[in-house]
Protein backbone atom coordinates (compact mmCIF):
# COMPACT_ATOMS: atom_id res chain seq x y z
CA MET A 1 -91.44 109.42 -66.67
CA ARG A 2 -94.56 108.08 -65.01
CA LEU A 3 -92.55 105.88 -62.62
CA THR A 4 -90.44 108.87 -61.62
CA ALA A 5 -93.57 110.88 -60.81
CA VAL A 6 -94.98 108.07 -58.69
CA LEU A 7 -91.69 107.58 -56.82
CA THR A 8 -91.39 111.34 -56.24
CA MET A 9 -94.95 111.45 -54.92
CA LEU A 10 -94.27 108.54 -52.56
CA LEU A 11 -91.07 110.14 -51.29
CA VAL A 12 -92.77 113.50 -50.66
CA THR A 13 -95.68 111.80 -48.88
CA THR A 14 -93.30 109.78 -46.71
CA VAL A 15 -91.20 112.79 -45.77
CA ALA A 16 -94.19 115.10 -45.20
CA THR A 17 -96.09 112.57 -43.07
CA PRO A 18 -93.92 111.15 -40.30
CA ALA A 19 -94.92 107.76 -38.91
CA HIS A 20 -95.90 109.27 -35.56
CA ALA A 21 -98.49 111.49 -37.26
CA ASP A 22 -100.35 108.55 -38.79
CA PRO A 23 -104.00 108.81 -37.70
CA VAL A 24 -104.25 105.02 -37.60
CA ARG A 25 -101.92 105.13 -34.58
CA GLU A 26 -104.57 107.18 -32.76
CA CYS A 27 -102.56 110.23 -31.73
CA ARG A 28 -99.68 108.37 -30.14
CA TYR A 29 -96.79 110.75 -29.64
CA GLN A 30 -95.02 109.43 -26.54
CA MET A 31 -91.35 108.69 -27.15
CA VAL A 32 -91.32 110.38 -30.57
CA ASN A 33 -87.88 111.66 -29.61
CA GLY A 34 -86.74 108.12 -28.78
CA GLN A 35 -86.69 108.71 -25.03
CA THR A 36 -89.02 107.37 -22.37
CA GLY A 37 -91.55 109.66 -20.74
CA TRP A 38 -93.55 112.53 -22.17
CA THR A 39 -91.98 115.76 -23.39
CA THR A 40 -94.06 118.93 -23.32
CA GLU A 41 -94.09 118.94 -27.13
CA GLU A 42 -95.39 115.35 -27.21
CA VAL A 43 -98.17 116.39 -24.82
CA ARG A 44 -99.06 119.37 -27.03
CA ALA A 45 -99.05 117.16 -30.14
CA THR A 46 -101.37 114.67 -28.43
CA ILE A 47 -103.82 117.42 -27.48
CA ARG A 48 -103.68 118.94 -30.97
CA CYS A 49 -104.39 115.54 -32.51
CA LEU A 50 -107.15 114.39 -30.13
CA ALA A 51 -109.15 117.59 -29.52
CA PRO A 52 -110.59 118.00 -33.03
CA ARG A 53 -111.44 114.29 -33.18
CA PHE A 54 -113.77 114.77 -30.23
CA GLY A 55 -115.15 118.18 -31.15
CA ILE A 56 -113.21 119.96 -28.42
CA SER A 57 -111.61 123.37 -28.93
CA THR A 58 -107.90 122.80 -29.40
CA THR A 59 -107.15 126.33 -28.23
CA LYS A 60 -109.09 125.93 -25.00
CA ALA A 61 -107.67 122.43 -24.39
CA LEU A 62 -104.12 123.76 -24.82
CA THR A 63 -104.79 126.84 -22.67
CA ILE A 64 -106.18 124.80 -19.80
CA ALA A 65 -103.39 122.19 -20.00
CA HIS A 66 -100.81 124.98 -19.95
CA HIS A 67 -102.33 126.52 -16.84
CA GLU A 68 -103.00 123.24 -15.06
CA SER A 69 -99.63 121.55 -15.57
CA GLY A 70 -97.42 123.46 -17.99
CA PHE A 71 -97.81 120.39 -20.24
CA GLN A 72 -95.93 118.29 -17.67
CA ALA A 73 -97.28 114.74 -17.69
CA ARG A 74 -96.01 114.04 -14.18
CA ALA A 75 -97.24 117.30 -12.65
CA SER A 76 -98.54 116.84 -9.14
CA ASN A 77 -100.23 119.16 -6.69
CA GLY A 78 -101.36 117.35 -3.57
CA SER A 79 -104.01 114.87 -4.63
CA TYR A 80 -104.12 116.25 -8.21
CA CYS A 81 -102.01 114.85 -11.01
CA GLY A 82 -101.17 114.91 -14.68
CA ILE A 83 -101.84 117.22 -17.57
CA TYR A 84 -105.34 118.27 -16.48
CA GLN A 85 -104.73 117.81 -12.75
CA HIS A 86 -107.32 115.11 -12.12
CA ASP A 87 -108.02 114.20 -8.52
CA ARG A 88 -106.24 110.86 -7.99
CA ASP A 89 -109.33 109.43 -6.26
CA TYR A 90 -111.59 110.25 -9.21
CA PHE A 91 -109.19 109.43 -12.04
CA PRO A 92 -109.85 105.65 -12.23
CA GLY A 93 -113.59 106.30 -12.66
CA ARG A 94 -112.98 109.04 -15.21
CA LEU A 95 -110.65 106.79 -17.18
CA ALA A 96 -113.20 103.95 -17.08
CA ALA A 97 -115.86 106.34 -18.40
CA ALA A 98 -113.55 107.42 -21.22
CA LYS A 99 -112.81 103.79 -22.10
CA ALA A 100 -116.53 103.01 -22.19
CA LYS A 101 -117.24 106.06 -24.35
CA TRP A 102 -114.39 105.45 -26.82
CA PRO A 103 -113.52 101.73 -26.76
CA ARG A 104 -111.78 101.79 -30.15
CA TYR A 105 -108.80 103.64 -28.71
CA ALA A 106 -106.02 101.41 -27.50
CA TRP A 107 -105.59 102.04 -23.81
CA MET A 108 -102.18 101.57 -22.29
CA GLY A 109 -101.70 103.91 -19.35
CA ARG A 110 -103.82 103.50 -16.25
CA THR A 111 -102.32 106.24 -14.13
CA CYS A 112 -103.03 109.93 -14.36
CA GLU A 113 -99.34 110.48 -15.18
CA ASN A 114 -99.88 108.84 -18.57
CA ALA A 115 -100.46 111.97 -20.63
CA ARG A 116 -102.64 110.36 -23.30
CA SER A 117 -104.92 108.68 -20.77
CA ASN A 118 -105.09 111.90 -18.74
CA ILE A 119 -106.07 113.87 -21.83
CA LEU A 120 -108.69 111.35 -22.96
CA ALA A 121 -110.20 111.16 -19.47
CA ALA A 122 -110.43 114.97 -19.41
CA PHE A 123 -112.02 115.07 -22.86
CA ALA A 124 -114.57 112.41 -21.85
CA LEU A 125 -115.48 114.48 -18.81
CA VAL A 126 -115.75 117.64 -20.92
CA LYS A 127 -118.09 115.87 -23.36
CA GLN A 128 -120.14 114.30 -20.54
CA THR A 129 -120.62 117.58 -18.66
CA GLY A 130 -121.18 119.77 -21.71
CA GLY A 131 -117.94 121.73 -21.72
CA TRP A 132 -114.88 122.89 -19.83
CA GLU A 133 -116.97 125.24 -17.72
CA ALA A 134 -118.45 122.47 -15.57
CA GLY A 135 -115.14 120.89 -14.63
CA TRP A 136 -112.26 123.29 -15.01
CA CYS A 137 -113.39 126.80 -15.80
CA ARG A 138 -115.59 127.31 -12.75
CA TRP A 139 -112.48 127.16 -10.57
CA THR A 140 -110.21 129.37 -12.66
CA SER A 141 -110.00 132.76 -14.33
CA TYR A 142 -108.16 131.68 -17.50
CA CYS A 143 -111.14 130.19 -19.31
C-alpha cells in the first residue's frame, strides 16, 4: 500500500511538472515544442518564469513585450530588435550589464534575437533604472 502511494505521488509529480518547467533549468523554454527558434508561447513562458524571480510585474512585462514585438523573438524595426526592441548598438552593453548583475544564469545567446537574453537584458535595465517608466513607458501610451 505504501509503495503504491509513493509511486502514485511520483507519477503525479512527474506529469504535473514537465521537465521544461524545472526551476533549476533557469526558465529555459526555447525549443519546448522540439523545433528550433522561439515560438510566441515560449517567449511568454520565459517572461512569466523570469519576471517574478527579479521582482518585475509579470503583467507589465507581458504587456510591453506584446506591444513592442508581439512576442516575436526576431522582430525588427530599423535599428531595434527582439522582444523588447533594444537598440542594436546598445544591446551588447545591456547584455553585459545583465550578465554582471546575474552571473548565475547560464548565458547562451549574444544577439538581441535570442529571446531569453533579450528579456534578461530588459529586466536588468528595468532594475537599474528603477522601473519600466525610464526605458519603455516614457515613449509609449500603453504603460
